[in-house]
Protein backbone atom coordinates (compact mmCIF):
# COMPACT_ATOMS: atom_id res chain seq x y z
CA UNK A 1 20.71 -57.46 -22.48
CA UNK A 2 18.36 -55.08 -20.94
CA UNK A 3 14.75 -55.14 -21.69
CA UNK A 4 13.57 -52.05 -23.41
CA UNK A 5 10.28 -50.76 -21.81
CA UNK A 6 7.48 -49.25 -23.85
CA UNK A 7 6.28 -45.69 -23.19
CA UNK A 8 2.29 -46.10 -22.13
CA UNK A 9 1.99 -42.62 -21.62
CA UNK A 10 -0.51 -40.63 -23.88
CA UNK A 11 0.56 -37.18 -24.60
CA UNK A 12 -2.31 -34.74 -24.59
CA UNK A 13 -0.49 -31.38 -25.11
CA UNK A 14 2.99 -29.94 -25.97
CA UNK A 15 3.95 -26.21 -26.18
CA UNK A 16 4.83 -25.52 -29.58
CA UNK A 17 7.91 -23.06 -30.39
CA UNK A 18 11.56 -23.12 -31.10
CA UNK A 19 13.24 -25.09 -28.17
CA UNK A 20 17.03 -25.20 -28.08
CA UNK A 21 17.24 -28.98 -27.50
CA UNK A 22 14.18 -29.65 -29.51
CA UNK A 23 10.46 -30.28 -28.82
CA UNK A 24 11.69 -33.24 -26.31
CA UNK A 25 12.14 -30.32 -23.66
CA UNK A 26 9.05 -28.37 -24.28
CA UNK A 27 6.49 -28.25 -21.51
CA UNK A 28 3.89 -30.91 -21.91
CA UNK A 29 0.98 -32.84 -20.35
CA UNK A 30 0.41 -36.61 -20.47
CA UNK A 31 -1.77 -39.47 -19.29
CA UNK A 32 -0.19 -42.42 -17.74
CA UNK A 33 -1.38 -45.88 -18.12
CA UNK A 34 -2.96 -45.79 -14.64
CA UNK A 35 -4.96 -42.80 -15.62
CA UNK A 36 -2.85 -40.22 -13.73
CA UNK A 37 -1.89 -36.69 -15.13
CA UNK A 38 1.80 -35.96 -15.61
CA UNK A 39 2.97 -32.33 -16.29
CA UNK A 40 6.51 -31.68 -17.33
CA UNK A 41 8.00 -28.18 -17.40
CA UNK A 42 11.66 -27.37 -17.51
CA UNK A 43 12.61 -31.05 -17.18
CA UNK A 44 10.88 -31.60 -13.91
CA UNK A 45 7.64 -34.08 -14.39
CA UNK A 46 5.17 -34.09 -11.49
CA UNK A 47 2.40 -37.07 -11.82
CA UNK A 48 -0.80 -37.31 -9.86
CA UNK A 49 -4.16 -38.39 -9.80
CA UNK A 50 -6.71 -36.01 -11.29
CA UNK A 51 -8.39 -35.44 -7.85
CA UNK A 52 -4.89 -34.51 -6.41
CA UNK A 53 -4.20 -32.04 -9.22
CA UNK A 54 -7.74 -30.39 -8.61
CA UNK A 55 -7.09 -30.38 -4.73
CA UNK A 56 -3.75 -28.80 -5.52
CA UNK A 57 -5.24 -25.97 -7.69
CA UNK A 58 -7.96 -25.26 -5.17
CA UNK A 59 -5.40 -25.03 -2.38
CA UNK A 60 -3.48 -22.41 -4.75
CA UNK A 61 -6.56 -20.46 -5.33
CA UNK A 62 -7.19 -20.31 -1.59
CA UNK A 63 -3.73 -19.15 -0.85
CA UNK A 64 -3.99 -16.71 -3.57
CA UNK A 65 -7.34 -15.48 -2.15
CA UNK A 66 -5.78 -15.19 1.46
CA UNK A 67 -2.68 -13.44 0.09
CA UNK A 68 -5.07 -10.98 -1.76
CA UNK A 69 -6.98 -10.46 1.31
CA UNK A 70 -3.89 -9.92 3.47
CA UNK A 71 -2.62 -7.41 0.95
CA UNK A 72 -5.81 -5.49 1.05
CA UNK A 73 -5.70 -5.49 4.71
CA UNK A 74 -2.03 -4.17 4.70
CA UNK A 75 -2.80 -1.24 2.44
CA UNK A 76 -5.94 -0.51 4.64
CA UNK A 77 -3.66 -0.59 7.65
CA UNK A 78 -1.05 1.66 5.98
CA UNK A 79 -3.85 4.36 4.94
CA UNK A 80 -5.40 3.89 8.47
CA UNK A 81 -1.73 4.54 10.06
CA UNK A 82 -1.01 7.54 7.65
CA UNK A 83 -4.35 9.02 8.46
CA UNK A 84 -3.71 8.58 12.16
CA UNK A 85 -0.33 10.19 11.89
CA UNK A 86 -1.61 13.04 9.87
CA UNK A 87 -4.43 13.46 12.58
CA UNK A 88 -1.85 13.47 15.15
CA UNK A 89 0.31 15.93 13.28
CA UNK A 90 -2.73 18.25 12.88
CA UNK A 91 -3.58 18.09 16.66
CA UNK A 92 0.03 19.05 17.44
CA UNK A 93 -0.22 21.85 15.06
CA UNK A 94 -3.31 23.12 16.63
CA UNK A 95 -1.56 22.93 20.01
CA UNK A 96 1.33 24.58 18.45
CA UNK A 97 -0.81 27.17 16.91
CA UNK A 98 -2.34 28.10 20.39
CA UNK A 99 0.99 28.32 21.83
CA UNK A 100 2.32 30.48 19.03
CA UNK A 101 -0.90 32.88 18.97
CA UNK A 102 -0.45 33.03 22.92
CA UNK A 103 3.10 34.06 22.74
CA UNK A 104 2.51 36.49 19.56
CA UNK A 105 -0.33 38.11 21.82
CA UNK A 106 2.09 38.28 24.78
CA UNK A 107 4.74 39.87 22.72
CA UNK A 108 2.05 42.27 21.19
CA UNK A 109 1.16 43.53 24.72
CA UNK A 110 4.83 44.03 25.57
CA UNK A 111 4.95 46.22 22.51
CA UNK A 112 1.76 48.00 23.33
CA UNK A 113 2.75 48.60 26.99
CA UNK A 114 5.80 50.77 25.72
CA UNK A 115 3.46 52.71 23.59
CA UNK A 116 0.12 52.34 25.36
CA UNK A 117 -0.51 56.21 24.75
CA UNK A 118 -1.85 55.06 21.33
CA UNK A 119 -5.00 53.70 23.19
CA UNK A 120 -6.76 50.45 23.82
CA UNK A 121 -8.46 50.34 20.14
CA UNK A 122 -5.12 50.10 18.65
CA UNK A 123 -3.93 47.29 21.07
CA UNK A 124 -7.05 45.12 20.14
CA UNK A 125 -6.57 45.75 16.25
CA UNK A 126 -2.90 44.61 16.28
CA UNK A 127 -4.01 41.46 18.31
CA UNK A 128 -6.74 40.61 15.99
CA UNK A 129 -4.47 41.16 12.96
CA UNK A 130 -1.72 38.90 14.27
CA UNK A 131 -4.35 36.22 15.43
CA UNK A 132 -5.75 36.36 11.88
CA UNK A 133 -2.27 35.79 10.29
CA UNK A 134 -1.36 33.03 12.28
CA UNK A 135 -4.79 31.46 12.01
CA UNK A 136 -4.32 31.45 8.10
CA UNK A 137 -1.05 30.18 8.14
CA UNK A 138 -2.02 27.08 10.28
CA UNK A 139 -5.36 26.54 8.13
CA UNK A 140 -3.28 26.28 5.01
CA UNK A 141 -0.92 23.87 6.53
CA UNK A 142 -3.71 21.68 8.13
CA UNK A 143 -5.44 21.80 4.66
CA UNK A 144 -2.38 20.59 3.03
CA UNK A 145 -1.77 17.71 5.70
CA UNK A 146 -5.49 16.72 5.09
CA UNK A 147 -5.20 16.59 1.31
CA UNK A 148 -2.02 14.62 1.83
CA UNK A 149 -3.64 12.09 4.12
CA UNK A 150 -6.44 11.88 1.61
CA UNK A 151 -4.24 10.99 -1.24
CA UNK A 152 -4.27 14.48 -2.93
CA UNK A 153 -1.31 16.31 -4.35
CA UNK A 154 1.62 17.41 -2.18
CA UNK A 155 3.01 20.57 -1.97
């Protein structure tokens, strides 16, 4: 007949609650006869000396800190990337605006060449009006992009 062994572990804590298979399966912490700490959770027990548990928690805290720093760096890079994209888009729009203004002015002058009899004053007035309209359009668009880059509301 087999000899029955006595449990020398001393239980320090057991999670209270209604467990389907009784308290036997509740998470618990115990100390072994040799002074090691055992933690039982979901039927798995890990036993280690106090210094090893402490070392494991220090490593975990270090990993959590590193992960938090990496997440912050990722967010910073995302913001930087988004900002760079918006800046590039603004520069692209400014170049596009210059091209559109140039084309619009050229078209105006084509029209004015046909009706040049109205005089140079009329030509300058039309050119200035067109430039103002185009400038306002692009300023609004660039302002919207800048707000979007800074985390403001989108249109």
